[in-house]
Structures are given as C-alpha cells and as structure tokens.
Amino acid sequence: MTHQINAWQTAVALWLAAFGPAAALAHEPLWGESPQTFAFGVFHPEIRFGYDNASVLLGGSRRLHNPDSLRRSRLDSLVSLAYAPETWLNVKLEVPFAQVASQQRIAGSLRSSTVSGTGDLVLSAKTRFEQRFGPDWKFHQSATVGLQLPTGERGGRMPDGSLLAPSDQPGSGRFGLSLGYAVAYERLADTTWASVMFRTDAPSGKYRRGDSLMADAAYGYWVRRALRPQDEGLLLALGPHLEMSGKDRAAGASDPNSGYTSIGLQATFIRTQGQTQTRIGILVPLHQHVAGTQLRSDLQIRAGWEMLL
C-alpha cells in the first residue's frame, strides 16, 4: 500500500527537524535575549560587533546647536563562549573590547582622543524553566543571572583632558550584577520574542555608571525556511527597543549630564545554514530624552556570527 504524507505530518516532521534535540541554531535578534538553551554538551562560540556614532547634542528631548563640534564614536566587539552542562542550563563567558574616539573643538581647532581597552568580563548562567510544545508551535521561558568582573578600562579622556563619563568608558572596572528574563513563541513560519535585562554596578561614592534597564520585543518571519540542516534559512525580525539609564556618579557626586531614556525601532536580518548563523541589524531611535545636555546617536549598527560545536 502506498502512503502519502499529509500536510500535518509534514509540519510535524519539519518541527522536529527544527526544534528536536539535534536542532541547529537558536535564531534571535541582535537586541534583546532569547530563552533558547542548547542541548547537553554543546559549545556555542559567538563574535559580535557594534558601532555607535554619537553626534547629536540633546538638551532634554530637543536637538541643540553644537558649536564645539562634540562627537563620540564607539566600536564594540564581543567574543563569548557558552556551554550546556544540562539541556535546560547554559553557562557563558563574555569578553568585550571597546574603542571610544572623541572629538572636541578647543581654541578654534578640532582635537581628538581615543581610548581602547577590554571591557568588563561577564560570567552568566541561563536556565530555561518552562518549555511547551504543540503540533506546530513552541513556547519557552528563561531567566539569566550574570556576574560582572572588574576588568574594564575606565581611564579614557576627552581631548581637553577631562575624564569621559563612566557610561562612555570601555568598561566600568567594577563588580556588577545583571538579571534577565526572556520568553518566545515559535512557529514554523515565524517567532515572537520579548525580554528584559537589568544591570547594576557595585556601589561607589566616587565614580560609577548608572543602573540600566533594557526591554525588547520583536516579531520574526522566515523569508526562507530551511527544510534540512544544510539548507539556507533567512529570517527578518523587527520590533521596539526601550533603554533607560540612571545617573552616573563622577567626582563623588551625581552627574547632572547623565541618565536617559531611549525608545527605538530595531531590525535584524538573520541567515542560518548548517551549524552557523550570521546576523546584521540596525537600531533607529525614535524618541530620546536626556538629563542635562548629552551627546546621543541617531543610528546603531550591529553584526554577529556564531556556531554550534
């Protein structure tokens, strides 16, 4: 007797191929976190890059004239390695590096300064505490906790010799803690993500970054779905990004020109094939409000590459 595979059986087969124990990569935007954890024994190396060109001078929510030609650009890179001692638990080491270039007009001449250095190393653990499946869907949630180590460079200066603000340095040079939550609803054709992440540095009365909170949501649609591990998959994700930062402390006092709220739109293009994944994305701020007067960016760019071993 000849048996024909109906649409439902095909969907189940594809779902098992995509989300079974031998699944390939978790797809996720470049802003926000995914609740995905990897199968037991899997190593997950990743490289990320980010570029931010802060050239817009804001006072509150208004754009101001910039007579001193103040400008600050930041190039970030991150190398990380995650490991799955259990299918529901992943541990990760993150090693960041940053280059911060500043420009300022002094006595009629444009001057520049650059600081490069390692950021703060982070050791983190992600635990997936819920996972449910349906015929063509998957729902999962996770929580993350991270320990920040005081390895970051924080001696960068402006062209006039003044210290960069704590939030603008390559690192904090302080212990810190991060807490996160992520949730996703995945189907064969699309995925919806949401996450929130809180970071705080150890208390200090002299020089310290303000606490930060980031929240993201995104919807991703498979423009091309990989039917086999060796096939190419293409996904486009789009969603809002919220970022809030408290005031820095500098010279033993709260810095009046620090602390902000930013709401923007983020988009990530994801390409998967086999055990590798490549991503590129942009973030466009739609509304920014700062305390005092600050330089802010009107565009962020990120890119990343990762694989499973």
C-alpha atoms as a PDB file:
ATOM      1  CA  MET A   1       0.000   0.000   0.000  1.00  0.00           C
ATOM      2  CA  THR A   2       1.252   3.495  -0.878  1.00  0.00           C
ATOM      3  CA  HIS A   3       1.084   6.024   1.929  1.00  0.00           C
ATOM      4  CA  GLN A   4       1.050   9.746   1.326  1.00  0.00           C
ATOM      5  CA  ILE A   5       2.272  12.242   3.900  1.00  0.00           C
ATOM      6  CA  ASN A   6      -0.367  14.833   4.619  1.00  0.00           C
ATOM      7  CA  ALA A   7       0.248  18.476   5.487  1.00  0.00           C
ATOM      8  CA  TRP A   8       0.023  17.915   9.237  1.00  0.00           C
ATOM      9  CA  GLN A   9       2.623  15.137   9.175  1.00  0.00           C
ATOM     10  CA  THR A  10       4.896  17.311   7.070  1.00  0.00           C
ATOM     11  CA  ALA A  11       4.579  20.141   9.585  1.00  0.00           C
ATOM     12  CA  VAL A  12       5.430  17.809  12.455  1.00  0.00           C
ATOM     13  CA  ALA A  13       8.448  16.471  10.607  1.00  0.00           C
ATOM     14  CA  LEU A  14       9.685  19.977   9.951  1.00  0.00           C
ATOM     15  CA  TRP A  15       9.067  20.945  13.567  1.00  0.00           C
ATOM     16  CA  LEU A  16      11.055  18.023  14.868  1.00  0.00           C
ATOM     17  CA  ALA A  17      13.860  18.861  12.488  1.00  0.00           C
ATOM     18  CA  ALA A  18      13.863  22.472  13.649  1.00  0.00           C
ATOM     19  CA  PHE A  19      13.335  22.022  17.400  1.00  0.00           C
ATOM     20  CA  GLY A  20      14.376  18.492  18.287  1.00  0.00           C
ATOM     21  CA  PRO A  21      17.402  17.659  20.485  1.00  0.00           C
ATOM     22  CA  ALA A  22      19.712  17.866  17.494  1.00  0.00           C
ATOM     23  CA  ALA A  23      18.383  21.276  16.486  1.00  0.00           C
ATOM     24  CA  ALA A  24      20.773  23.713  14.936  1.00  0.00           C
ATOM     25  CA  LEU A  25      20.908  27.349  15.975  1.00  0.00           C
ATOM     26  CA  ALA A  26      18.539  29.430  18.017  1.00  0.00           C
ATOM     27  CA  HIS A  27      17.585  32.446  15.948  1.00  0.00           C
ATOM     28  CA  GLU A  28      17.241  35.733  17.777  1.00  0.00           C
ATOM     29  CA  PRO A  29      17.510  39.488  17.090  1.00  0.00           C
ATOM     30  CA  LEU A  30      20.685  41.440  17.918  1.00  0.00           C
ATOM     31  CA  TRP A  31      18.815  43.478  20.543  1.00  0.00           C
ATOM     32  CA  GLY A  32      17.278  41.531  23.391  1.00  0.00           C
ATOM     33  CA  GLU A  33      17.714  37.955  24.530  1.00  0.00           C
ATOM     34  CA  SER A  34      16.280  34.571  23.554  1.00  0.00           C
ATOM     35  CA  PRO A  35      15.104  31.958  26.096  1.00  0.00           C
ATOM     36  CA  GLN A  36      16.718  29.213  23.962  1.00  0.00           C
ATOM     37  CA  THR A  37      19.142  26.836  25.690  1.00  0.00           C
ATOM     38  CA  PHE A  38      21.238  24.311  23.803  1.00  0.00           C
ATOM     39  CA  ALA A  39      21.437  20.532  24.038  1.00  0.00           C
ATOM     40  CA  PHE A  40      23.684  18.825  26.596  1.00  0.00           C
ATOM     41  CA  GLY A  41      27.384  19.034  25.800  1.00  0.00           C
ATOM     42  CA  VAL A  42      27.077  21.731  23.100  1.00  0.00           C
ATOM     43  CA  PHE A  43      29.675  24.516  22.866  1.00  0.00           C
ATOM     44  CA  HIS A  44      28.480  27.800  21.380  1.00  0.00           C
ATOM     45  CA  PRO A  45      31.149  30.356  20.324  1.00  0.00           C
ATOM     46  CA  GLU A  46      29.993  33.773  19.154  1.00  0.00           C
ATOM     47  CA  ILE A  47      31.523  37.023  17.867  1.00  0.00           C
ATOM     48  CA  ARG A  48      29.633  40.331  17.853  1.00  0.00           C
ATOM     49  CA  PHE A  49      30.407  43.854  16.684  1.00  0.00           C
ATOM     50  CA  GLY A  50      28.624  47.133  17.300  1.00  0.00           C
ATOM     51  CA  TYR A  51      29.091  50.712  16.096  1.00  0.00           C
ATOM     52  CA  ASP A  52      27.543  53.827  17.620  1.00  0.00           C
ATOM     53  CA  ASN A  53      28.246  57.363  16.364  1.00  0.00           C
ATOM     54  CA  ALA A  54      27.018  59.897  18.932  1.00  0.00           C
ATOM     55  CA  SER A  55      26.911  63.256  17.129  1.00  0.00           C
ATOM     56  CA  VAL A  56      23.502  64.645  18.128  1.00  0.00           C
ATOM     57  CA  LEU A  57      23.602  67.083  21.046  1.00  0.00           C
ATOM     58  CA  LEU A  58      20.401  66.916  23.080  1.00  0.00           C
ATOM     59  CA  GLY A  59      19.027  69.024  25.900  1.00  0.00           C
ATOM     60  CA  GLY A  60      16.091  67.121  27.308  1.00  0.00           C
ATOM     61  CA  SER A  61      14.377  65.952  24.109  1.00  0.00           C
ATOM     62  CA  ARG A  62      15.474  68.910  21.942  1.00  0.00           C
ATOM     63  CA  ARG A  63      18.324  68.985  19.459  1.00  0.00           C
ATOM     64  CA  LEU A  64      20.828  71.718  20.298  1.00  0.00           C
ATOM     65  CA  HIS A  65      23.418  73.625  18.322  1.00  0.00           C
ATOM     66  CA  ASN A  66      26.840  72.020  18.731  1.00  0.00           C
ATOM     67  CA  PRO A  67      29.382  74.886  18.460  1.00  0.00           C
ATOM     68  CA  ASP A  68      32.257  72.830  19.890  1.00  0.00           C
ATOM     69  CA  SER A  69      31.707  70.050  17.276  1.00  0.00           C
ATOM     70  CA  LEU A  70      31.417  67.464  20.045  1.00  0.00           C
ATOM     71  CA  ARG A  71      31.316  63.932  18.696  1.00  0.00           C
ATOM     72  CA  ARG A  72      31.903  60.473  20.127  1.00  0.00           C
ATOM     73  CA  SER A  73      32.051  57.160  18.276  1.00  0.00           C
ATOM     74  CA  ARG A  74      32.242  53.739  19.825  1.00  0.00           C
ATOM     75  CA  LEU A  75      33.266  50.435  18.259  1.00  0.00           C
ATOM     76  CA  ASP A  76      32.448  47.398  20.387  1.00  0.00           C
ATOM     77  CA  SER A  77      33.464  43.790  19.874  1.00  0.00           C
ATOM     78  CA  LEU A  78      32.495  40.785  21.959  1.00  0.00           C
ATOM     79  CA  VAL A  79      33.821  37.235  22.000  1.00  0.00           C
ATOM     80  CA  SER A  80      31.799  34.734  24.012  1.00  0.00           C
ATOM     81  CA  LEU A  81      31.686  31.014  24.640  1.00  0.00           C
ATOM     82  CA  ALA A  82      28.642  29.222  26.015  1.00  0.00           C
ATOM     83  CA  TYR A  83      28.407  25.611  27.191  1.00  0.00           C
ATOM     84  CA  ALA A  84      25.420  23.423  28.058  1.00  0.00           C
ATOM     85  CA  PRO A  85      26.125  21.217  31.118  1.00  0.00           C
ATOM     86  CA  GLU A  86      22.390  20.418  31.007  1.00  0.00           C
ATOM     87  CA  THR A  87      19.822  20.897  28.261  1.00  0.00           C
ATOM     88  CA  TRP A  88      17.941  23.375  30.456  1.00  0.00           C
ATOM     89  CA  LEU A  89      21.083  25.227  31.622  1.00  0.00           C
ATOM     90  CA  ASN A  90      23.707  27.192  29.673  1.00  0.00           C
ATOM     91  CA  VAL A  91      26.750  28.953  31.146  1.00  0.00           C
ATOM     92  CA  LYS A  92      28.639  31.658  29.273  1.00  0.00           C
ATOM     93  CA  LEU A  93      31.838  33.704  29.394  1.00  0.00           C
ATOM     94  CA  GLU A  94      31.790  37.086  27.617  1.00  0.00           C
ATOM     95  CA  VAL A  95      34.976  39.025  26.809  1.00  0.00           C
ATOM     96  CA  PRO A  96      34.249  42.540  25.457  1.00  0.00           C
ATOM     97  CA  PHE A  97      36.597  45.075  23.887  1.00  0.00           C
ATOM     98  CA  ALA A  98      35.846  48.692  23.003  1.00  0.00           C
ATOM     99  CA  GLN A  99      37.405  51.652  21.227  1.00  0.00           C
ATOM    100  CA  VAL A 100      35.989  55.085  22.043  1.00  0.00           C
ATOM    101  CA  ALA A 101      37.005  58.089  19.910  1.00  0.00           C
ATOM    102  CA  SER A 102      36.065  61.629  20.965  1.00  0.00           C
ATOM    103  CA  GLN A 103      36.185  64.924  19.069  1.00  0.00           C
ATOM    104  CA  GLN A 104      36.084  68.417  20.520  1.00  0.00           C
ATOM    105  CA  ARG A 105      36.838  71.960  19.336  1.00  0.00           C
ATOM    106  CA  ILE A 106      39.408  73.664  21.560  1.00  0.00           C
ATOM    107  CA  ALA A 107      40.549  77.259  20.912  1.00  0.00           C
ATOM    108  CA  GLY A 108      39.174  77.049  17.389  1.00  0.00           C
ATOM    109  CA  SER A 109      40.922  73.776  16.483  1.00  0.00           C
ATOM    110  CA  LEU A 110      39.389  70.321  16.274  1.00  0.00           C
ATOM    111  CA  ARG A 111      41.117  67.913  18.641  1.00  0.00           C
ATOM    112  CA  SER A 112      40.547  64.200  19.055  1.00  0.00           C
ATOM    113  CA  SER A 113      41.342  61.492  21.580  1.00  0.00           C
ATOM    114  CA  THR A 114      40.958  57.717  21.560  1.00  0.00           C
ATOM    115  CA  VAL A 115      40.867  55.090  24.283  1.00  0.00           C
ATOM    116  CA  SER A 116      40.870  51.343  23.645  1.00  0.00           C
ATOM    117  CA  GLY A 117      40.642  48.547  26.132  1.00  0.00           C
ATOM    118  CA  THR A 118      38.970  45.465  27.478  1.00  0.00           C
ATOM    119  CA  GLY A 119      35.532  45.845  28.910  1.00  0.00           C
ATOM    120  CA  ASP A 120      34.179  44.049  31.962  1.00  0.00           C
ATOM    121  CA  LEU A 121      34.206  40.259  31.642  1.00  0.00           C
ATOM    122  CA  VAL A 122      30.846  38.643  32.421  1.00  0.00           C
ATOM    123  CA  LEU A 123      30.135  35.118  33.676  1.00  0.00           C
ATOM    124  CA  SER A 124      26.466  34.227  33.291  1.00  0.00           C
ATOM    125  CA  ALA A 125      24.036  31.340  33.577  1.00  0.00           C
ATOM    126  CA  LYS A 126      20.736  30.942  31.742  1.00  0.00           C
ATOM    127  CA  THR A 127      18.116  28.491  32.955  1.00  0.00           C
ATOM    128  CA  ARG A 128      15.091  27.524  30.864  1.00  0.00           C
ATOM    129  CA  PHE A 129      12.337  26.985  33.429  1.00  0.00           C
ATOM    130  CA  GLU A 130       9.427  26.304  31.063  1.00  0.00           C
ATOM    131  CA  GLN A 131       9.065  24.697  27.650  1.00  0.00           C
ATOM    132  CA  ARG A 132       5.837  23.564  25.989  1.00  0.00           C
ATOM    133  CA  PHE A 133       5.235  22.131  22.527  1.00  0.00           C
ATOM    134  CA  GLY A 134       2.253  21.885  20.200  1.00  0.00           C
ATOM    135  CA  PRO A 135       1.827  20.374  16.715  1.00  0.00           C
ATOM    136  CA  ASP A 136       3.451  23.400  15.104  1.00  0.00           C
ATOM    137  CA  TRP A 137       4.456  25.704  17.970  1.00  0.00           C
ATOM    138  CA  LYS A 138       6.893  26.003  20.862  1.00  0.00           C
ATOM    139  CA  PHE A 139       6.664  28.244  23.954  1.00  0.00           C
ATOM    140  CA  HIS A 140       9.587  28.693  26.317  1.00  0.00           C
ATOM    141  CA  GLN A 141      10.820  30.996  29.083  1.00  0.00           C
ATOM    142  CA  SER A 142      14.196  31.511  30.738  1.00  0.00           C
ATOM    143  CA  ALA A 143      15.937  33.540  33.421  1.00  0.00           C
ATOM    144  CA  THR A 144      19.540  34.772  33.331  1.00  0.00           C
ATOM    145  CA  VAL A 145      21.916  35.938  36.045  1.00  0.00           C
ATOM    146  CA  GLY A 146      25.347  37.385  35.319  1.00  0.00           C
ATOM    147  CA  LEU A 147      28.385  38.370  37.381  1.00  0.00           C
ATOM    148  CA  GLN A 148      30.410  41.285  36.027  1.00  0.00           C
ATOM    149  CA  LEU A 149      34.140  41.241  36.812  1.00  0.00           C
ATOM    150  CA  PRO A 150      36.171  44.461  37.348  1.00  0.00           C
ATOM    151  CA  THR A 151      38.415  44.120  34.275  1.00  0.00           C
ATOM    152  CA  GLY A 152      37.233  47.114  32.244  1.00  0.00           C
ATOM    153  CA  GLU A 153      39.333  50.101  31.180  1.00  0.00           C
ATOM    154  CA  ARG A 154      37.937  53.336  32.661  1.00  0.00           C
ATOM    155  CA  GLY A 155      40.711  55.891  32.168  1.00  0.00           C
ATOM    156  CA  GLY A 156      39.604  57.366  28.835  1.00  0.00           C
ATOM    157  CA  ARG A 157      39.703  61.160  28.498  1.00  0.00           C
ATOM    158  CA  MET A 158      38.238  63.855  26.289  1.00  0.00           C
ATOM    159  CA  PRO A 159      40.589  65.943  24.091  1.00  0.00           C
ATOM    160  CA  ASP A 160      40.609  68.663  26.792  1.00  0.00           C
ATOM    161  CA  GLY A 161      41.929  66.139  29.347  1.00  0.00           C
ATOM    162  CA  SER A 162      38.728  65.624  31.313  1.00  0.00           C
ATOM    163  CA  LEU A 163      37.626  62.085  32.108  1.00  0.00           C
ATOM    164  CA  LEU A 164      34.985  60.503  29.932  1.00  0.00           C
ATOM    165  CA  ALA A 165      31.727  59.888  31.738  1.00  0.00           C
ATOM    166  CA  PRO A 166      31.581  56.448  33.422  1.00  0.00           C
ATOM    167  CA  SER A 167      28.941  55.264  30.918  1.00  0.00           C
ATOM    168  CA  ASP A 168      31.175  56.235  27.976  1.00  0.00           C
ATOM    169  CA  GLN A 169      34.275  54.332  29.101  1.00  0.00           C
ATOM    170  CA  PRO A 170      35.217  50.950  27.548  1.00  0.00           C
ATOM    171  CA  GLY A 171      34.375  49.348  30.904  1.00  0.00           C
ATOM    172  CA  SER A 172      33.443  50.127  34.490  1.00  0.00           C
ATOM    173  CA  GLY A 173      36.310  48.427  36.348  1.00  0.00           C
ATOM    174  CA  ARG A 174      33.778  47.365  38.982  1.00  0.00           C
ATOM    175  CA  PHE A 175      31.944  44.240  40.052  1.00  0.00           C
ATOM    176  CA  GLY A 176      28.364  44.169  38.871  1.00  0.00           C
ATOM    177  CA  LEU A 177      25.230  42.096  38.549  1.00  0.00           C
ATOM    178  CA  SER A 178      22.794  41.527  35.690  1.00  0.00           C
ATOM    179  CA  LEU A 179      19.368  39.888  35.797  1.00  0.00           C
ATOM    180  CA  GLY A 180      17.291  38.964  32.775  1.00  0.00           C
ATOM    181  CA  TYR A 181      14.078  37.307  31.630  1.00  0.00           C
ATOM    182  CA  ALA A 182      13.203  36.113  28.123  1.00  0.00           C
ATOM    183  CA  VAL A 183      10.184  34.484  26.503  1.00  0.00           C
ATOM    184  CA  ALA A 184       9.476  33.297  22.951  1.00  0.00           C
ATOM    185  CA  TYR A 185       6.614  31.778  20.981  1.00  0.00           C
ATOM    186  CA  GLU A 186       7.898  29.968  17.892  1.00  0.00           C
ATOM    187  CA  ARG A 187       6.010  28.533  14.949  1.00  0.00           C
ATOM    188  CA  LEU A 188       7.183  27.021  11.694  1.00  0.00           C
ATOM    189  CA  ALA A 189       6.692  30.302   9.839  1.00  0.00           C
ATOM    190  CA  ASP A 190       7.555  32.915  12.481  1.00  0.00           C
ATOM    191  CA  THR A 191       8.735  33.727  16.008  1.00  0.00           C
ATOM    192  CA  THR A 192       7.826  36.336  18.615  1.00  0.00           C
ATOM    193  CA  TRP A 193      10.336  37.290  21.322  1.00  0.00           C
ATOM    194  CA  ALA A 194      10.295  39.521  24.401  1.00  0.00           C
ATOM    195  CA  SER A 195      12.970  40.129  27.020  1.00  0.00           C
ATOM    196  CA  VAL A 196      14.052  42.487  29.784  1.00  0.00           C
ATOM    197  CA  MET A 197      17.555  42.940  31.238  1.00  0.00           C
ATOM    198  CA  PHE A 198      18.676  44.914  34.321  1.00  0.00           C
ATOM    199  CA  ARG A 199      22.316  45.784  35.113  1.00  0.00           C
ATOM    200  CA  THR A 200      23.836  47.404  38.186  1.00  0.00           C
ATOM    201  CA  ASP A 201      27.420  48.090  39.282  1.00  0.00           C
ATOM    202  CA  ALA A 202      28.711  47.693  42.821  1.00  0.00           C
ATOM    203  CA  PRO A 203      28.046  50.788  44.964  1.00  0.00           C
ATOM    204  CA  SER A 204      30.596  53.574  44.826  1.00  0.00           C
ATOM    205  CA  GLY A 205      30.508  57.143  46.065  1.00  0.00           C
ATOM    206  CA  LYS A 206      33.067  58.436  43.555  1.00  0.00           C
ATOM    207  CA  TYR A 207      32.909  57.028  40.007  1.00  0.00           C
ATOM    208  CA  ARG A 208      30.156  54.683  38.860  1.00  0.00           C
ATOM    209  CA  ARG A 209      27.845  54.040  35.905  1.00  0.00           C
ATOM    210  CA  GLY A 210      24.144  54.498  36.406  1.00  0.00           C
ATOM    211  CA  ASP A 211      21.947  51.407  36.566  1.00  0.00           C
ATOM    212  CA  SER A 212      20.386  50.397  33.259  1.00  0.00           C
ATOM    213  CA  LEU A 213      17.220  48.635  32.115  1.00  0.00           C
ATOM    214  CA  MET A 214      16.615  47.341  28.574  1.00  0.00           C
ATOM    215  CA  ALA A 215      13.393  45.850  27.234  1.00  0.00           C
ATOM    216  CA  ASP A 216      12.865  44.397  23.759  1.00  0.00           C
ATOM    217  CA  ALA A 217      10.134  42.755  21.730  1.00  0.00           C
ATOM    218  CA  ALA A 218      10.388  41.516  18.152  1.00  0.00           C
ATOM    219  CA  TYR A 219       8.497  39.597  15.514  1.00  0.00           C
ATOM    220  CA  GLY A 220      10.494  37.493  13.057  1.00  0.00           C
ATOM    221  CA  TYR A 221       9.260  35.962   9.828  1.00  0.00           C
ATOM    222  CA  TRP A 222      11.053  33.239   7.875  1.00  0.00           C
ATOM    223  CA  VAL A 223      11.508  34.681   4.390  1.00  0.00           C
ATOM    224  CA  ARG A 224      13.130  31.361   3.521  1.00  0.00           C
ATOM    225  CA  ARG A 225      12.743  28.395   5.861  1.00  0.00           C
ATOM    226  CA  ALA A 226      15.489  25.758   5.899  1.00  0.00           C
ATOM    227  CA  LEU A 227      13.904  22.324   5.374  1.00  0.00           C
ATOM    228  CA  ARG A 228      17.197  20.488   6.037  1.00  0.00           C
ATOM    229  CA  PRO A 229      20.168  21.423   8.261  1.00  0.00           C
ATOM    230  CA  GLN A 230      22.350  22.108   5.232  1.00  0.00           C
ATOM    231  CA  ASP A 231      19.785  24.429   3.639  1.00  0.00           C
ATOM    232  CA  GLU A 232      19.914  28.216   3.889  1.00  0.00           C
ATOM    233  CA  GLY A 233      17.375  29.923   6.126  1.00  0.00           C
ATOM    234  CA  LEU A 234      16.600  33.656   6.028  1.00  0.00           C
ATOM    235  CA  LEU A 235      14.644  35.484   8.724  1.00  0.00           C
ATOM    236  CA  LEU A 236      13.769  39.167   9.170  1.00  0.00           C
ATOM    237  CA  ALA A 237      12.985  40.399  12.704  1.00  0.00           C
ATOM    238  CA  LEU A 238      11.537  43.779  13.641  1.00  0.00           C
ATOM    239  CA  GLY A 239      10.437  45.313  16.925  1.00  0.00           C
ATOM    240  CA  PRO A 240      10.671  48.077  19.561  1.00  0.00           C
ATOM    241  CA  HIS A 241      13.609  48.694  21.881  1.00  0.00           C
ATOM    242  CA  LEU A 242      13.435  50.542  25.217  1.00  0.00           C
ATOM    243  CA  GLU A 243      16.542  51.602  27.110  1.00  0.00           C
ATOM    244  CA  MET A 244      16.714  53.509  30.402  1.00  0.00           C
ATOM    245  CA  SER A 245      19.803  54.555  32.334  1.00  0.00           C
ATOM    246  CA  GLY A 246      20.180  56.212  35.719  1.00  0.00           C
ATOM    247  CA  LYS A 247      22.651  58.958  36.522  1.00  0.00           C
ATOM    248  CA  ASP A 248      26.384  58.320  36.679  1.00  0.00           C
ATOM    249  CA  ARG A 249      28.482  59.305  39.650  1.00  0.00           C
ATOM    250  CA  ALA A 250      31.656  61.280  38.914  1.00  0.00           C
ATOM    251  CA  ALA A 251      33.961  63.193  41.271  1.00  0.00           C
ATOM    252  CA  GLY A 252      31.887  61.949  44.205  1.00  0.00           C
ATOM    253  CA  ALA A 253      28.596  63.463  43.021  1.00  0.00           C
ATOM    254  CA  SER A 254      25.707  62.636  40.739  1.00  0.00           C
ATOM    255  CA  ASP A 255      26.485  63.788  37.187  1.00  0.00           C
ATOM    256  CA  PRO A 256      23.672  66.154  36.054  1.00  0.00           C
ATOM    257  CA  ASN A 257      24.518  65.438  32.382  1.00  0.00           C
ATOM    258  CA  SER A 258      23.862  61.706  32.558  1.00  0.00           C
ATOM    259  CA  GLY A 259      20.868  59.419  32.582  1.00  0.00           C
ATOM    260  CA  TYR A 260      18.495  58.983  29.657  1.00  0.00           C
ATOM    261  CA  THR A 261      15.504  57.210  28.155  1.00  0.00           C
ATOM    262  CA  SER A 262      15.536  55.985  24.563  1.00  0.00           C
ATOM    263  CA  ILE A 263      12.778  54.326  22.542  1.00  0.00           C
ATOM    264  CA  GLY A 264      13.639  52.991  19.109  1.00  0.00           C
ATOM    265  CA  LEU A 265      12.930  50.520  16.348  1.00  0.00           C
ATOM    266  CA  GLN A 266      15.308  47.620  15.761  1.00  0.00           C
ATOM    267  CA  ALA A 267      15.622  45.315  12.769  1.00  0.00           C
ATOM    268  CA  THR A 268      17.798  42.208  12.370  1.00  0.00           C
ATOM    269  CA  PHE A 269      18.419  40.115   9.273  1.00  0.00           C
ATOM    270  CA  ILE A 270      19.395  36.523  10.149  1.00  0.00           C
ATOM    271  CA  ARG A 271      20.954  33.910   7.885  1.00  0.00           C
ATOM    272  CA  THR A 272      21.291  30.332   9.114  1.00  0.00           C
ATOM    273  CA  GLN A 273      22.943  27.377   7.416  1.00  0.00           C
ATOM    274  CA  GLY A 274      24.117  24.155   8.981  1.00  0.00           C
ATOM    275  CA  GLN A 275      25.628  24.917  12.376  1.00  0.00           C
ATOM    276  CA  THR A 276      26.371  28.591  11.670  1.00  0.00           C
ATOM    277  CA  GLN A 277      24.382  31.777  11.880  1.00  0.00           C
ATOM    278  CA  THR A 278      25.156  35.311  10.645  1.00  0.00           C
ATOM    279  CA  ARG A 279      23.257  38.428  11.710  1.00  0.00           C
ATOM    280  CA  ILE A 280      23.282  42.123  10.868  1.00  0.00           C
ATOM    281  CA  GLY A 281      20.993  44.756  12.320  1.00  0.00           C
ATOM    282  CA  ILE A 282      20.236  48.433  12.851  1.00  0.00           C
ATOM    283  CA  LEU A 283      18.577  50.402  15.640  1.00  0.00           C
ATOM    284  CA  VAL A 284      16.957  53.766  14.910  1.00  0.00           C
ATOM    285  CA  PRO A 285      15.992  55.857  17.978  1.00  0.00           C
ATOM    286  CA  LEU A 286      12.513  57.343  17.602  1.00  0.00           C
ATOM    287  CA  HIS A 287      12.443  59.295  20.878  1.00  0.00           C
ATOM    288  CA  GLN A 288      15.271  60.206  23.239  1.00  0.00           C
ATOM    289  CA  HIS A 289      15.172  62.202  26.450  1.00  0.00           C
ATOM    290  CA  VAL A 290      18.329  63.041  28.409  1.00  0.00           C
ATOM    291  CA  ALA A 291      19.084  64.680  31.726  1.00  0.00           C
ATOM    292  CA  GLY A 292      21.015  67.902  31.227  1.00  0.00           C
ATOM    293  CA  THR A 293      22.957  68.044  27.950  1.00  0.00           C
ATOM    294  CA  GLN A 294      24.325  64.918  26.279  1.00  0.00           C
ATOM    295  CA  LEU A 295      25.586  63.505  23.007  1.00  0.00           C
ATOM    296  CA  ARG A 296      23.343  60.797  21.597  1.00  0.00           C
ATOM    297  CA  SER A 297      23.379  58.604  18.500  1.00  0.00           C
ATOM    298  CA  ASP A 298      20.744  58.604  15.759  1.00  0.00           C
ATOM    299  CA  LEU A 299      21.766  55.139  14.469  1.00  0.00           C
ATOM    300  CA  GLN A 300      23.342  51.961  15.852  1.00  0.00           C
ATOM    301  CA  ILE A 301      24.706  49.106  13.760  1.00  0.00           C
ATOM    302  CA  ARG A 302      25.433  45.557  14.960  1.00  0.00           C
ATOM    303  CA  ALA A 303      26.646  42.337  13.390  1.00  0.00           C
ATOM    304  CA  GLY A 304      27.327  38.835  14.682  1.00  0.00           C
ATOM    305  CA  TRP A 305      28.492  35.351  13.774  1.00  0.00           C
ATOM    306  CA  GLU A 306      28.051  32.150  15.777  1.00  0.00           C
ATOM    307  CA  MET A 307      28.082  28.377  15.522  1.00  0.00           C
ATOM    308  CA  LEU A 308      27.389  25.206  17.487  1.00  0.00           C
ATOM    309  CA  LEU A 309      30.081  22.632  18.220  1.00  0.00           C
END
